[in-house]
Amino acid sequence: MATRAGKHTIILTQHTPSYQTRSYMDFPSVGAGMDALVKMYEHKLKELNPGINNITYDISDLYNYLDTLHDICALVMDPQSNKYDPKDKEWLKSKIFQHLKGQAQG
C-alpha cells in the first residue's frame, strides 16, 4: 500500500479569469507537488524583484500568493479506490505548511 506522501498528485492552476491561463502539473507524490508550489512562488518573487539576489518571505506571503491565483486545487490518487480525490486551496496550504515544517525539522 502506498503512503500518503507517495500518492500521485495533479495540481490544477488558473492564474487569471482567462481560460488561457489554465494549466496543470503532475507529480509522483504530494511532497513533490508542494515543492513545486513553493518553487512557483519563488520564481514569481524573482520575476517581480529581478535586482534582488536574496529574497526572504514567510508562510503568510506564500499563502497570500496562492490567494491571488484565480483558482488552484489538487487531485490526489487514492490507491484503495483507484480514483483521484479533489483537494481545495485550504488543503494545499495545510500540506505546504506540513511539508515545509518537516523539511525544517530535517
N, C-alpha and C. Protein backbone atom coordinates (compact mmCIF):
# COMPACT_ATOMS: atom_id res chain seq x y z
N MET A 1 0.85 -1.19 0.00
CA MET A 1 0.00 0.00 0.00
C MET A 1 0.89 1.24 0.00
N ALA A 2 0.54 2.22 -0.80
CA ALA A 2 1.32 3.46 -0.91
C ALA A 2 1.07 4.35 0.30
N THR A 3 2.10 5.09 0.68
CA THR A 3 1.93 6.05 1.76
C THR A 3 1.34 7.33 1.19
N ARG A 4 0.84 8.20 2.06
CA ARG A 4 0.23 9.44 1.62
C ARG A 4 1.22 10.27 0.81
N ALA A 5 2.49 10.28 1.23
CA ALA A 5 3.48 11.08 0.54
C ALA A 5 3.77 10.54 -0.85
N GLY A 6 3.48 9.26 -1.12
CA GLY A 6 3.77 8.66 -2.40
C GLY A 6 2.59 8.65 -3.36
N LYS A 7 1.53 9.36 -3.06
CA LYS A 7 0.34 9.35 -3.90
C LYS A 7 0.50 10.31 -5.08
N HIS A 8 0.24 9.78 -6.29
CA HIS A 8 0.32 10.62 -7.48
C HIS A 8 -0.58 11.85 -7.29
N THR A 9 -0.06 13.02 -7.63
CA THR A 9 -0.75 14.29 -7.37
C THR A 9 -0.75 15.14 -8.63
N ILE A 10 -1.91 15.68 -8.95
CA ILE A 10 -2.06 16.62 -10.07
C ILE A 10 -2.49 17.95 -9.47
N ILE A 11 -1.76 19.01 -9.79
CA ILE A 11 -2.12 20.35 -9.32
C ILE A 11 -2.64 21.14 -10.52
N LEU A 12 -3.85 21.67 -10.36
CA LEU A 12 -4.50 22.45 -11.40
C LEU A 12 -4.47 23.92 -11.00
N THR A 13 -4.01 24.78 -11.91
CA THR A 13 -3.95 26.21 -11.61
C THR A 13 -4.63 27.00 -12.71
N GLN A 14 -5.13 28.15 -12.31
CA GLN A 14 -5.63 29.15 -13.24
C GLN A 14 -5.22 30.49 -12.66
N HIS A 15 -4.32 31.18 -13.32
CA HIS A 15 -3.72 32.40 -12.78
C HIS A 15 -4.63 33.62 -12.85
N THR A 16 -5.47 33.69 -13.87
CA THR A 16 -6.39 34.82 -14.04
C THR A 16 -7.75 34.26 -14.46
N PRO A 17 -8.77 35.10 -14.58
CA PRO A 17 -10.07 34.60 -15.05
C PRO A 17 -10.03 34.03 -16.47
N SER A 18 -9.02 34.36 -17.23
CA SER A 18 -8.91 33.88 -18.61
C SER A 18 -8.62 32.37 -18.64
N TYR A 19 -9.40 31.66 -19.43
CA TYR A 19 -9.21 30.21 -19.55
C TYR A 19 -7.83 29.86 -20.12
N GLN A 20 -7.21 30.78 -20.84
CA GLN A 20 -5.90 30.53 -21.43
C GLN A 20 -4.80 30.38 -20.36
N THR A 21 -5.09 30.79 -19.12
CA THR A 21 -4.09 30.68 -18.07
C THR A 21 -4.21 29.38 -17.27
N ARG A 22 -5.10 28.51 -17.69
CA ARG A 22 -5.24 27.21 -17.03
C ARG A 22 -4.05 26.33 -17.36
N SER A 23 -3.58 25.61 -16.36
CA SER A 23 -2.52 24.64 -16.60
C SER A 23 -2.56 23.58 -15.50
N TYR A 24 -1.78 22.55 -15.69
CA TYR A 24 -1.68 21.52 -14.67
C TYR A 24 -0.25 21.02 -14.58
N MET A 25 0.07 20.46 -13.45
CA MET A 25 1.38 19.85 -13.22
C MET A 25 1.11 18.53 -12.52
N ASP A 26 1.84 17.48 -12.87
CA ASP A 26 1.62 16.24 -12.14
C ASP A 26 2.92 15.76 -11.52
N PHE A 27 2.79 15.08 -10.39
CA PHE A 27 3.92 14.70 -9.56
C PHE A 27 3.73 13.30 -9.00
N PRO A 28 4.82 12.62 -8.70
CA PRO A 28 4.71 11.27 -8.15
C PRO A 28 4.25 11.23 -6.70
N SER A 29 4.26 12.39 -6.03
CA SER A 29 3.88 12.42 -4.62
C SER A 29 3.33 13.79 -4.24
N VAL A 30 2.64 13.82 -3.11
CA VAL A 30 2.13 15.08 -2.57
C VAL A 30 3.30 16.02 -2.27
N GLY A 31 4.35 15.49 -1.64
CA GLY A 31 5.52 16.30 -1.28
C GLY A 31 6.17 16.97 -2.48
N ALA A 32 6.28 16.23 -3.59
CA ALA A 32 6.87 16.80 -4.80
C ALA A 32 5.99 17.93 -5.33
N GLY A 33 4.69 17.78 -5.21
CA GLY A 33 3.78 18.84 -5.62
C GLY A 33 3.92 20.08 -4.76
N MET A 34 4.09 19.88 -3.46
CA MET A 34 4.26 21.02 -2.55
C MET A 34 5.57 21.74 -2.84
N ASP A 35 6.63 20.99 -3.12
CA ASP A 35 7.90 21.61 -3.51
C ASP A 35 7.71 22.47 -4.76
N ALA A 36 6.94 21.98 -5.71
CA ALA A 36 6.72 22.72 -6.95
C ALA A 36 5.95 24.01 -6.71
N LEU A 37 4.97 23.98 -5.80
CA LEU A 37 4.23 25.21 -5.50
C LEU A 37 5.13 26.25 -4.84
N VAL A 38 6.01 25.81 -3.96
CA VAL A 38 6.95 26.74 -3.33
C VAL A 38 7.89 27.32 -4.40
N LYS A 39 8.38 26.48 -5.28
CA LYS A 39 9.27 26.96 -6.35
C LYS A 39 8.54 27.91 -7.30
N MET A 40 7.26 27.64 -7.56
CA MET A 40 6.47 28.53 -8.41
C MET A 40 6.39 29.92 -7.78
N TYR A 41 6.17 29.97 -6.46
CA TYR A 41 6.12 31.25 -5.76
C TYR A 41 7.49 31.93 -5.78
N GLU A 42 8.54 31.18 -5.52
CA GLU A 42 9.89 31.77 -5.54
C GLU A 42 10.24 32.31 -6.92
N HIS A 43 9.83 31.61 -7.96
CA HIS A 43 10.06 32.09 -9.32
C HIS A 43 9.33 33.42 -9.55
N LYS A 44 8.10 33.51 -9.06
CA LYS A 44 7.32 34.75 -9.19
C LYS A 44 8.01 35.90 -8.43
N LEU A 45 8.54 35.59 -7.24
CA LEU A 45 9.26 36.62 -6.48
C LEU A 45 10.47 37.13 -7.25
N LYS A 46 11.22 36.23 -7.86
CA LYS A 46 12.40 36.63 -8.65
C LYS A 46 11.98 37.44 -9.86
N GLU A 47 10.87 37.06 -10.47
CA GLU A 47 10.35 37.79 -11.62
C GLU A 47 9.95 39.22 -11.24
N LEU A 48 9.35 39.38 -10.06
CA LEU A 48 8.90 40.69 -9.60
C LEU A 48 10.04 41.54 -9.02
N ASN A 49 11.13 40.90 -8.61
CA ASN A 49 12.26 41.59 -7.98
C ASN A 49 13.58 41.16 -8.63
N PRO A 50 13.77 41.49 -9.91
CA PRO A 50 14.95 40.97 -10.63
C PRO A 50 16.29 41.47 -10.09
N GLY A 51 16.30 42.60 -9.44
CA GLY A 51 17.57 43.14 -8.95
C GLY A 51 17.96 42.68 -7.55
N ILE A 52 17.13 41.87 -6.92
CA ILE A 52 17.42 41.43 -5.55
C ILE A 52 17.88 39.98 -5.59
N ASN A 53 19.10 39.75 -5.08
CA ASN A 53 19.67 38.41 -5.11
C ASN A 53 19.14 37.50 -4.00
N ASN A 54 18.87 38.07 -2.83
CA ASN A 54 18.45 37.27 -1.69
C ASN A 54 17.09 37.77 -1.21
N ILE A 55 16.04 37.02 -1.53
CA ILE A 55 14.67 37.40 -1.17
C ILE A 55 14.20 36.49 -0.04
N THR A 56 13.67 37.10 1.01
CA THR A 56 13.12 36.31 2.10
C THR A 56 11.60 36.50 2.16
N TYR A 57 10.94 35.47 2.66
CA TYR A 57 9.48 35.53 2.80
C TYR A 57 9.09 34.57 3.91
N ASP A 58 7.85 34.69 4.36
CA ASP A 58 7.35 33.73 5.34
C ASP A 58 6.11 33.03 4.77
N ILE A 59 5.57 32.10 5.52
CA ILE A 59 4.47 31.27 5.02
C ILE A 59 3.24 32.09 4.66
N SER A 60 3.02 33.19 5.39
CA SER A 60 1.84 34.02 5.07
C SER A 60 1.99 34.68 3.70
N ASP A 61 3.22 35.01 3.30
CA ASP A 61 3.45 35.57 1.96
C ASP A 61 3.10 34.53 0.89
N LEU A 62 3.50 33.29 1.14
CA LEU A 62 3.19 32.21 0.21
C LEU A 62 1.68 31.98 0.13
N TYR A 63 1.02 31.98 1.27
CA TYR A 63 -0.44 31.84 1.29
C TYR A 63 -1.12 32.98 0.53
N ASN A 64 -0.64 34.20 0.72
CA ASN A 64 -1.20 35.36 0.01
C ASN A 64 -1.04 35.19 -1.50
N TYR A 65 0.11 34.67 -1.93
CA TYR A 65 0.32 34.41 -3.35
C TYR A 65 -0.71 33.41 -3.87
N LEU A 66 -0.91 32.32 -3.15
CA LEU A 66 -1.89 31.32 -3.57
C LEU A 66 -3.29 31.94 -3.65
N ASP A 67 -3.58 32.86 -2.74
CA ASP A 67 -4.89 33.53 -2.75
C ASP A 67 -5.06 34.45 -3.95
N THR A 68 -3.96 34.93 -4.54
CA THR A 68 -4.07 35.80 -5.72
C THR A 68 -4.39 35.02 -6.99
N LEU A 69 -4.16 33.71 -6.97
CA LEU A 69 -4.47 32.91 -8.15
C LEU A 69 -5.99 32.83 -8.31
N HIS A 70 -6.45 32.85 -9.53
CA HIS A 70 -7.89 32.77 -9.76
C HIS A 70 -8.44 31.44 -9.23
N ASP A 71 -7.69 30.36 -9.44
CA ASP A 71 -8.10 29.06 -8.93
C ASP A 71 -6.89 28.14 -8.81
N ILE A 72 -6.91 27.32 -7.79
CA ILE A 72 -5.88 26.30 -7.62
C ILE A 72 -6.50 25.17 -6.80
N CYS A 73 -6.21 23.95 -7.22
CA CYS A 73 -6.69 22.78 -6.49
C CYS A 73 -5.78 21.61 -6.85
N ALA A 74 -6.02 20.49 -6.20
CA ALA A 74 -5.22 19.30 -6.47
C ALA A 74 -6.13 18.09 -6.59
N LEU A 75 -5.63 17.11 -7.30
CA LEU A 75 -6.25 15.79 -7.37
C LEU A 75 -5.20 14.81 -6.86
N VAL A 76 -5.54 14.05 -5.83
CA VAL A 76 -4.58 13.13 -5.20
C VAL A 76 -5.12 11.71 -5.33
N MET A 77 -4.27 10.84 -5.87
CA MET A 77 -4.67 9.46 -6.10
C MET A 77 -4.90 8.72 -4.78
N ASP A 78 -6.03 8.05 -4.71
CA ASP A 78 -6.34 7.16 -3.58
C ASP A 78 -6.17 5.73 -4.11
N PRO A 79 -5.09 5.05 -3.71
CA PRO A 79 -4.83 3.72 -4.28
C PRO A 79 -5.88 2.67 -3.90
N GLN A 80 -6.58 2.88 -2.79
CA GLN A 80 -7.59 1.90 -2.38
C GLN A 80 -8.80 1.93 -3.31
N SER A 81 -9.25 3.13 -3.68
CA SER A 81 -10.41 3.24 -4.57
C SER A 81 -10.01 3.38 -6.03
N ASN A 82 -8.70 3.59 -6.26
CA ASN A 82 -8.16 3.78 -7.61
C ASN A 82 -8.81 4.97 -8.32
N LYS A 83 -9.01 6.05 -7.56
CA LYS A 83 -9.56 7.29 -8.12
C LYS A 83 -8.84 8.48 -7.50
N TYR A 84 -9.02 9.64 -8.11
CA TYR A 84 -8.42 10.86 -7.59
C TYR A 84 -9.40 11.58 -6.68
N ASP A 85 -8.90 12.01 -5.52
CA ASP A 85 -9.70 12.79 -4.58
C ASP A 85 -9.39 14.27 -4.78
N PRO A 86 -10.42 15.11 -4.96
CA PRO A 86 -10.18 16.55 -5.13
C PRO A 86 -9.81 17.20 -3.80
N LYS A 87 -8.88 18.14 -3.86
CA LYS A 87 -8.43 18.88 -2.68
C LYS A 87 -8.45 20.36 -3.01
N ASP A 88 -8.91 21.17 -2.06
CA ASP A 88 -9.04 22.60 -2.31
C ASP A 88 -7.80 23.39 -1.88
N LYS A 89 -7.89 24.69 -2.05
CA LYS A 89 -6.77 25.59 -1.74
C LYS A 89 -6.36 25.50 -0.26
N GLU A 90 -7.33 25.41 0.63
CA GLU A 90 -7.00 25.34 2.06
C GLU A 90 -6.24 24.06 2.38
N TRP A 91 -6.60 22.97 1.74
CA TRP A 91 -5.87 21.71 1.91
C TRP A 91 -4.43 21.88 1.43
N LEU A 92 -4.26 22.53 0.27
CA LEU A 92 -2.91 22.78 -0.25
C LEU A 92 -2.08 23.60 0.73
N LYS A 93 -2.69 24.65 1.30
CA LYS A 93 -1.96 25.47 2.27
C LYS A 93 -1.52 24.64 3.47
N SER A 94 -2.40 23.81 3.96
CA SER A 94 -2.08 22.95 5.09
C SER A 94 -0.95 21.99 4.75
N LYS A 95 -1.00 21.39 3.58
CA LYS A 95 0.04 20.44 3.17
C LYS A 95 1.38 21.14 2.94
N ILE A 96 1.35 22.34 2.39
CA ILE A 96 2.60 23.09 2.21
C ILE A 96 3.22 23.36 3.58
N PHE A 97 2.41 23.81 4.53
CA PHE A 97 2.91 24.09 5.87
C PHE A 97 3.53 22.83 6.48
N GLN A 98 2.82 21.71 6.42
CA GLN A 98 3.33 20.46 6.98
C GLN A 98 4.62 20.05 6.29
N HIS A 99 4.66 20.20 4.98
CA HIS A 99 5.83 19.81 4.19
C HIS A 99 7.05 20.66 4.57
N LEU A 100 6.85 21.98 4.63
CA LEU A 100 7.97 22.87 4.99
C LEU A 100 8.42 22.66 6.43
N LYS A 101 7.46 22.41 7.32
CA LYS A 101 7.79 22.14 8.72
C LYS A 101 8.63 20.87 8.81
N GLY A 102 8.26 19.86 8.07
CA GLY A 102 9.03 18.61 8.05
C GLY A 102 10.44 18.81 7.52
N GLN A 103 10.58 19.66 6.51
CA GLN A 103 11.91 19.95 5.96
C GLN A 103 12.75 20.71 6.96
N ALA A 104 12.14 21.65 7.68
CA ALA A 104 12.87 22.46 8.66
C ALA A 104 13.35 21.60 9.83
N GLN A 105 12.56 20.60 10.19
CA GLN A 105 12.94 19.72 11.31
C GLN A 105 13.95 18.68 10.87
N GLY A 106 14.06 18.50 9.54
CA GLY A 106 15.05 17.66 8.93
C GLY A 106 15.09 16.27 9.40
